[in-house]
């Protein structure tokens, strides 16, 4: 799943390591993602963009 779930950190100097996994049936359309910030979570407003493109299906969300 990590190969087609992409993350983007706009206007951010702290880039975490991100690990995502797909849930098992019947929740195959749900993913859990963990972001690990080695220097701590930024003390400012920030957002993460998640997107995917797989076998003709695409999606996007900003958190």
Protein backbone atom coordinates (compact mmCIF):
# COMPACT_ATOMS: atom_id res chain seq x y z
CA UNK A 1 0.00 0.00 0.00
CA UNK A 2 2.82 2.39 0.75
CA UNK A 3 3.87 2.21 -2.89
CA UNK A 4 0.73 3.99 -4.11
CA UNK A 5 -0.28 6.08 -1.07
CA UNK A 6 1.68 9.33 -1.43
CA UNK A 7 2.22 12.08 1.15
CA UNK A 8 3.12 15.74 0.70
CA UNK A 9 4.12 18.28 3.35
CA UNK A 10 3.60 21.74 1.88
CA UNK A 11 5.47 24.67 3.45
CA UNK A 12 7.02 22.45 6.10
CA UNK A 13 10.63 22.10 7.18
CA UNK A 14 9.96 19.00 9.31
CA UNK A 15 9.37 15.98 7.06
CA UNK A 16 8.36 12.82 8.94
CA UNK A 17 8.73 9.19 7.98
CA UNK A 18 5.27 7.92 7.00
CA UNK A 19 4.06 4.33 7.17
CA UNK A 20 0.62 3.34 5.86
CA UNK A 21 -1.25 0.05 5.91
CA UNK A 22 -4.53 -1.07 4.42
CA UNK A 23 -7.14 -2.56 6.72
CA UNK A 24 -8.44 -6.06 6.14
CA UNK A 25 -11.82 -6.96 4.61
CA UNK A 26 -14.46 -5.62 4.75
CA UNK A 27 -12.69 -2.26 5.32
CA UNK A 28 -10.38 -2.41 2.29
CA UNK A 29 -11.04 1.26 1.51
CA UNK A 30 -9.58 2.37 4.88
CA UNK A 31 -5.89 3.05 5.52
CA UNK A 32 -4.07 3.77 8.76
CA UNK A 33 -1.01 6.01 8.52
CA UNK A 34 1.64 6.76 11.12
CA UNK A 35 3.86 9.87 10.80
CA UNK A 36 7.06 9.81 12.86
CA UNK A 37 8.78 13.16 13.37
CA UNK A 38 12.40 12.55 14.48
CA UNK A 39 12.78 16.12 15.80
CA UNK A 40 9.27 16.40 17.28
CA UNK A 41 5.99 17.63 15.83
CA UNK A 42 6.22 21.21 14.50
CA UNK A 43 4.96 23.87 16.88
CA UNK A 44 3.03 25.63 14.13
CA UNK A 45 0.03 25.01 11.95
CA UNK A 46 0.77 22.44 9.26
CA UNK A 47 -1.07 19.96 7.07
CA UNK A 48 -0.38 16.69 5.31
CA UNK A 49 -1.74 15.81 1.88
CA UNK A 50 -2.47 12.16 1.12
CA UNK A 51 -3.18 10.96 -2.41
CA UNK A 52 -3.27 7.72 -4.31
CA UNK A 53 -3.57 6.43 -7.83
CA UNK A 54 -4.04 2.71 -8.32
CA UNK A 55 -5.55 0.77 -11.22
CA UNK A 56 -7.52 3.76 -12.45
CA UNK A 57 -8.83 4.82 -9.01
CA UNK A 58 -7.58 8.08 -7.49
CA UNK A 59 -8.23 10.04 -4.32
CA UNK A 60 -6.94 13.01 -2.34
CA UNK A 61 -7.35 14.40 1.18
CA UNK A 62 -5.65 17.18 3.14
CA UNK A 63 -5.39 16.76 6.93
